[in-house]
Amino acid sequence: MAFLFLPFLFIFFVPSTNAGYWPPSPGYYPSSKFRSMSFYQGYRNLWGPGHQNIDNNGITIWLDRISGSGFKSVKPFRSGYFGASIKLQTGYTAGVITAFYLSNSEAHPGYHDEVDIEFLGTTFGKPYTLQTNVYIRGSGDGKIVGREMKFHLWFDPTKNFHHYAILWSPKEIIFFVDDVPLRRYPRKSVATFPLRPMWVYGSIWDASSWATENGKYKADYSYQPFIGKFTNFKASGCTAYASPRCRPVSASPFHSGGLTRQQYKAMKWVQRHHLVYNYCKDYKRDHSLTPECWR
């Protein structure tokens, strides 16, 4: 029986050789619908102030033996579009996480919600892995129950800035790279969807215990500092203090949300050619803890 599953596992988990190709046009560009802001218009230092450099529009943060660094939005949101253009460190970055994410861990310690875009550092000659993840009411605390989907990008994220974004509404979460949707996580039940207000964060830190090939390769500080650059911030939506009549923003021409047929086509192309891990297809996982996989 084990032999019969080997072809499937090889096809699913080995990155596509089509990495040199670009996805079809999504036809709609949500990043163009929301205004950019400078760092100080929407964010403040959270930790590691000595390991960041802020200019009028963006921020550079870095990790070395002493510390990493992080920042946080001034306002919490209950829905919205959140994006930033990011450029990653080249070379050996194993064990290092550069992240852009939503969380309410400070408001709900030990029982928090989180929506992640994380870049998992790598070794020479291997691509970064972009990990998307969703935690709901403590599934990221204690006994971890992640909802990871991982991708190898169709470009080198160390060469130029690229725009990464999260659309979060009461109906869905959609992850974007340069306006191309990577993943749509719909609300299938209250138990499997984050609904409490969250802040927007960015950070760089040492996750050697798991980040690169499940912890096989660790951060090597002979290559320090490890640098992440963020600019072109966007954060538009309903803050936690907005009127109940505030309408959630959409990532498509439809005010009700969702994606167009062309956006779905682009997303399916990315998942066909660049998806390298899907938690719902991991048969070693206990899927009684992730019932959305089967609904």
Protein backbone atom coordinates (compact mmCIF):
# COMPACT_ATOMS: atom_id res chain seq x y z
CA MET A 1 0.00 0.00 0.00
CA ALA A 2 2.82 2.43 0.85
CA PHE A 3 4.30 1.92 -2.62
CA LEU A 4 1.06 3.04 -4.24
CA PHE A 5 1.20 6.43 -2.53
CA LEU A 6 4.76 7.29 -3.57
CA PRO A 7 3.95 8.79 -6.99
CA PHE A 8 1.35 11.10 -5.43
CA LEU A 9 3.71 12.33 -2.74
CA PHE A 10 6.45 12.98 -5.29
CA ILE A 11 4.19 15.01 -7.51
CA PHE A 12 2.68 17.02 -4.67
CA PHE A 13 5.68 17.94 -2.59
CA VAL A 14 8.40 18.44 -5.21
CA PRO A 15 8.50 22.04 -6.53
CA SER A 16 7.49 22.45 -10.14
CA THR A 17 10.10 22.79 -12.84
CA ASN A 18 7.91 25.59 -14.25
CA ALA A 19 9.38 28.06 -11.76
CA GLY A 20 10.64 30.26 -14.59
CA TYR A 21 7.12 30.94 -15.83
CA TRP A 22 4.86 33.70 -14.59
CA PRO A 23 1.22 33.26 -13.59
CA PRO A 24 -1.58 34.46 -15.85
CA SER A 25 -2.85 37.96 -15.23
CA PRO A 26 -5.40 38.12 -12.40
CA GLY A 27 -7.17 40.90 -14.33
CA TYR A 28 -7.87 42.88 -11.16
CA TYR A 29 -5.27 44.60 -9.00
CA PRO A 30 -6.47 45.27 -5.44
CA SER A 31 -3.23 46.97 -4.36
CA SER A 32 -4.05 49.81 -6.77
CA LYS A 33 -7.36 50.43 -4.97
CA PHE A 34 -5.80 51.32 -1.62
CA ARG A 35 -3.53 54.27 -0.88
CA SER A 36 0.03 53.79 0.29
CA MET A 37 1.22 55.22 3.57
CA SER A 38 4.58 55.97 5.11
CA PHE A 39 5.76 53.90 8.04
CA TYR A 40 4.93 56.54 10.66
CA GLN A 41 1.44 57.06 9.27
CA GLY A 42 0.43 53.60 10.38
CA TYR A 43 3.11 51.86 12.41
CA ARG A 44 5.44 52.13 15.41
CA ASN A 45 8.41 50.19 16.75
CA LEU A 46 7.46 47.16 18.85
CA TRP A 47 10.82 45.68 19.80
CA GLY A 48 14.48 45.85 18.81
CA PRO A 49 14.63 49.63 18.17
CA GLY A 50 18.39 49.41 17.77
CA HIS A 51 17.91 46.92 14.93
CA GLN A 52 15.81 49.02 12.60
CA ASN A 53 16.28 52.05 10.39
CA ILE A 54 13.19 54.09 9.48
CA ASP A 55 12.95 56.53 6.60
CA ASN A 56 9.92 58.54 5.56
CA ASN A 57 8.30 55.73 3.61
CA GLY A 58 9.65 52.43 4.89
CA ILE A 59 11.68 50.50 7.42
CA THR A 60 14.69 48.20 7.37
CA ILE A 61 14.91 45.65 10.19
CA TRP A 62 17.66 43.17 10.92
CA LEU A 63 18.66 40.20 13.04
CA ASP A 64 22.08 39.54 14.52
CA ARG A 65 23.43 37.69 17.56
CA ILE A 66 22.08 40.39 19.85
CA SER A 67 18.50 40.84 18.70
CA GLY A 68 15.92 40.86 15.95
CA SER A 69 13.31 43.56 15.48
CA GLY A 70 9.60 44.11 14.97
CA PHE A 71 6.93 46.75 14.40
CA LYS A 72 3.18 47.02 14.90
CA SER A 73 0.27 49.03 13.49
CA VAL A 74 -1.03 51.89 15.58
CA LYS A 75 -4.64 50.76 15.17
CA PRO A 76 -6.33 47.37 15.49
CA PHE A 77 -8.65 46.29 12.69
CA ARG A 78 -11.63 43.98 12.46
CA SER A 79 -11.26 43.61 8.66
CA GLY A 80 -9.27 45.12 5.82
CA TYR A 81 -6.58 44.94 3.17
CA PHE A 82 -3.03 44.92 4.56
CA GLY A 83 0.03 44.99 2.33
CA ALA A 84 3.69 45.88 2.12
CA SER A 85 6.42 45.71 -0.49
CA ILE A 86 9.22 43.55 0.89
CA LYS A 87 12.76 42.70 -0.20
CA LEU A 88 14.56 39.78 1.44
CA GLN A 89 18.17 39.00 2.33
CA THR A 90 20.18 37.04 -0.20
CA GLY A 91 22.58 34.17 0.57
CA TYR A 92 22.48 31.90 3.62
CA THR A 93 19.40 32.75 5.73
CA ALA A 94 18.53 29.36 7.25
CA GLY A 95 16.66 29.59 10.54
CA VAL A 96 15.60 33.19 9.94
CA ILE A 97 11.95 34.24 9.65
CA THR A 98 10.92 37.50 8.00
CA ALA A 99 7.19 38.02 8.61
CA PHE A 100 4.23 40.25 7.81
CA TYR A 101 1.11 39.22 9.69
CA LEU A 102 -2.04 39.99 11.66
CA SER A 103 -2.35 39.03 15.32
CA ASN A 104 -4.05 39.81 18.63
CA SER A 105 -1.53 37.93 20.77
CA GLU A 106 -0.98 40.89 23.06
CA ALA A 107 -4.72 41.36 23.66
CA HIS A 108 -5.36 37.61 24.07
CA PRO A 109 -2.15 35.96 25.32
CA GLY A 110 -2.36 32.19 25.23
CA TYR A 111 -5.63 32.29 23.25
CA HIS A 112 -4.89 34.44 20.22
CA ASP A 113 -5.73 34.62 16.52
CA GLU A 114 -3.14 35.11 13.78
CA VAL A 115 -2.89 35.31 9.98
CA ASP A 116 0.66 34.94 8.66
CA ILE A 117 2.82 35.62 5.66
CA GLU A 118 6.23 34.23 6.65
CA PHE A 119 9.39 33.88 4.60
CA LEU A 120 11.33 30.84 5.78
CA GLY A 121 15.07 31.33 5.37
CA THR A 122 17.10 28.98 3.24
CA THR A 123 20.55 27.66 2.34
CA PHE A 124 22.69 28.45 -0.68
CA GLY A 125 21.12 27.48 -3.98
CA LYS A 126 17.65 26.82 -2.58
CA PRO A 127 14.61 29.12 -2.81
CA TYR A 128 12.84 30.85 0.03
CA THR A 129 9.61 29.25 1.14
CA LEU A 130 6.64 31.58 1.58
CA GLN A 131 4.40 30.15 4.30
CA THR A 132 0.80 31.26 4.77
CA ASN A 133 -0.90 30.26 8.00
CA VAL A 134 -4.05 30.85 10.04
CA TYR A 135 -4.43 30.36 13.79
CA ILE A 136 -7.77 30.60 15.58
CA ARG A 137 -8.38 31.21 19.31
CA GLY A 138 -5.27 29.62 20.71
CA SER A 139 -4.40 27.10 17.98
CA GLY A 140 -1.03 28.87 17.80
CA ASP A 141 -0.49 28.53 21.57
CA GLY A 142 0.59 25.42 23.44
CA LYS A 143 -0.31 22.46 21.23
CA ILE A 144 0.09 24.06 17.81
CA VAL A 145 -2.59 23.47 15.18
CA GLY A 146 -1.41 25.30 12.08
CA ARG A 147 -3.16 25.67 8.75
CA GLU A 148 -0.08 26.05 6.61
CA MET A 149 0.13 26.32 2.85
CA LYS A 150 3.68 26.82 1.54
CA PHE A 151 4.90 28.11 -1.81
CA HIS A 152 8.09 28.54 -3.78
CA LEU A 153 7.75 31.82 -5.64
CA TRP A 154 8.09 32.26 -9.42
CA PHE A 155 10.74 34.96 -8.91
CA ASP A 156 13.73 35.66 -6.68
CA PRO A 157 12.40 37.74 -3.73
CA THR A 158 15.92 38.98 -2.92
CA LYS A 159 16.38 40.87 -6.21
CA ASN A 160 13.59 43.44 -6.00
CA PHE A 161 10.69 44.58 -3.87
CA HIS A 162 7.43 42.63 -4.36
CA HIS A 163 4.05 43.39 -2.85
CA TYR A 164 2.62 40.90 -0.35
CA ALA A 165 -0.86 41.32 1.09
CA ILE A 166 -3.62 39.83 3.23
CA LEU A 167 -7.32 40.52 2.62
CA TRP A 168 -9.31 39.72 5.75
CA SER A 169 -13.07 40.09 5.87
CA PRO A 170 -15.80 38.39 7.92
CA LYS A 171 -16.23 35.97 4.98
CA GLU A 172 -12.71 35.08 3.87
CA ILE A 173 -8.96 35.51 4.03
CA ILE A 174 -7.03 35.86 0.77
CA PHE A 175 -3.24 35.98 0.42
CA PHE A 176 -1.68 37.89 -2.49
CA VAL A 177 1.73 38.32 -4.11
CA ASP A 178 1.91 41.19 -6.60
CA ASP A 179 -1.91 41.08 -6.77
CA VAL A 180 -1.91 37.40 -7.73
CA PRO A 181 -3.99 35.41 -5.23
CA LEU A 182 -2.09 32.48 -3.72
CA ARG A 183 -4.71 31.15 -1.35
CA ARG A 184 -8.29 31.77 -0.31
CA TYR A 185 -9.36 30.62 3.17
CA PRO A 186 -13.16 30.95 3.40
CA ARG A 187 -15.15 31.15 6.60
CA LYS A 188 -16.85 27.78 6.95
CA SER A 189 -17.69 28.06 10.64
CA VAL A 190 -17.15 30.43 13.56
CA ALA A 191 -14.86 27.83 15.16
CA THR A 192 -12.41 27.84 12.24
CA PHE A 193 -12.23 31.57 11.43
CA PRO A 194 -10.63 34.56 13.21
CA LEU A 195 -13.18 37.28 13.97
CA ARG A 196 -11.67 39.29 16.84
CA PRO A 197 -9.79 42.55 16.07
CA MET A 198 -6.13 42.20 15.14
CA TRP A 199 -3.13 44.48 14.64
CA VAL A 200 -0.68 44.36 11.73
CA TYR A 201 2.91 43.32 12.48
CA GLY A 202 6.26 42.90 10.78
CA SER A 203 9.30 41.20 12.25
CA ILE A 204 12.57 39.34 11.73
CA TRP A 205 13.67 36.71 14.24
CA ASP A 206 15.53 33.43 14.82
CA ALA A 207 13.34 30.34 14.40
CA SER A 208 16.16 27.84 13.99
CA SER A 209 14.20 25.10 15.75
CA TRP A 210 11.79 24.70 12.82
CA ALA A 211 12.09 27.29 10.03
CA THR A 212 14.38 25.60 7.51
CA GLU A 213 13.70 21.97 6.61
CA ASN A 214 12.10 21.37 10.01
CA GLY A 215 15.11 22.70 11.90
CA LYS A 216 17.78 20.77 10.00
CA TYR A 217 19.64 24.00 9.18
CA LYS A 218 20.14 26.68 11.85
CA ALA A 219 20.88 30.38 11.76
CA ASP A 220 24.60 30.95 11.17
CA TYR A 221 25.61 34.33 12.55
CA SER A 222 28.82 34.41 10.57
CA TYR A 223 26.47 35.71 7.83
CA GLN A 224 24.88 38.41 9.99
CA PRO A 225 23.17 40.80 9.82
CA PHE A 226 20.05 39.28 8.25
CA ILE A 227 18.02 42.11 6.74
CA GLY A 228 14.40 42.62 5.74
CA LYS A 229 13.22 45.77 3.94
CA PHE A 230 9.58 46.96 4.01
CA THR A 231 7.98 49.87 2.15
CA ASN A 232 4.77 50.87 0.32
CA PHE A 233 2.56 50.05 3.30
CA LYS A 234 -1.19 49.70 2.82
CA ALA A 235 -3.72 49.21 5.63
CA SER A 236 -7.30 50.00 4.67
CA GLY A 237 -10.48 48.70 6.21
CA CYS A 238 -12.63 48.79 9.31
CA THR A 239 -10.71 49.59 12.47
CA ALA A 240 -11.84 48.13 15.77
CA TYR A 241 -13.30 51.55 16.59
CA ALA A 242 -15.27 52.01 13.34
CA SER A 243 -19.04 52.13 13.15
CA PRO A 244 -20.81 48.76 12.86
CA ARG A 245 -21.97 50.05 9.48
CA CYS A 246 -18.39 50.04 8.16
CA ARG A 247 -18.39 47.83 5.05
CA PRO A 248 -15.50 45.34 4.70
CA VAL A 249 -13.27 45.98 1.69
CA SER A 250 -13.05 43.54 -1.20
CA ALA A 251 -10.14 42.19 -3.25
CA SER A 252 -12.27 41.90 -6.38
CA PRO A 253 -14.78 44.10 -8.27
CA PHE A 254 -17.54 42.39 -6.26
CA HIS A 255 -18.54 44.39 -3.18
CA SER A 256 -19.62 41.14 -1.55
CA GLY A 257 -16.07 39.76 -1.76
CA GLY A 258 -14.71 36.64 -3.39
CA LEU A 259 -12.60 36.44 -6.54
CA THR A 260 -13.33 36.82 -10.22
CA ARG A 261 -13.02 33.90 -12.59
CA GLN A 262 -9.73 35.32 -13.86
CA GLN A 263 -8.38 35.70 -10.31
CA TYR A 264 -9.33 32.09 -9.58
CA LYS A 265 -7.52 31.00 -12.74
CA ALA A 266 -4.35 32.77 -11.62
CA MET A 267 -4.62 31.27 -8.11
CA LYS A 268 -5.10 27.74 -9.47
CA TRP A 269 -2.04 28.20 -11.70
CA VAL A 270 0.08 29.20 -8.70
CA GLN A 271 -1.18 26.27 -6.65
CA ARG A 272 -0.59 23.86 -9.52
CA HIS A 273 3.00 24.98 -10.18
CA HIS A 274 4.33 26.51 -6.94
CA LEU A 275 2.50 24.98 -3.98
CA VAL A 276 4.89 22.71 -2.03
CA TYR A 277 2.82 21.95 1.08
CA ASN A 278 -0.90 21.91 1.91
CA TYR A 279 -1.91 20.98 5.45
CA CYS A 280 -5.20 19.54 4.22
CA LYS A 281 -3.26 17.03 2.07
CA ASP A 282 -0.92 15.99 4.88
CA TYR A 283 -2.30 12.63 5.93
CA LYS A 284 -0.05 12.50 8.98
CA ARG A 285 -2.07 15.33 10.50
CA ASP A 286 -5.06 14.86 12.79
CA HIS A 287 -7.75 16.47 10.66
CA SER A 288 -10.36 16.28 13.38
CA LEU A 289 -8.58 19.47 14.50
CA THR A 290 -8.95 21.09 11.06
CA PRO A 291 -12.53 20.23 10.01
CA GLU A 292 -12.52 22.93 7.31
CA CYS A 293 -10.42 20.56 5.18
CA TRP A 294 -13.45 18.31 4.65
CA ARG A 295 -16.32 20.77 4.41
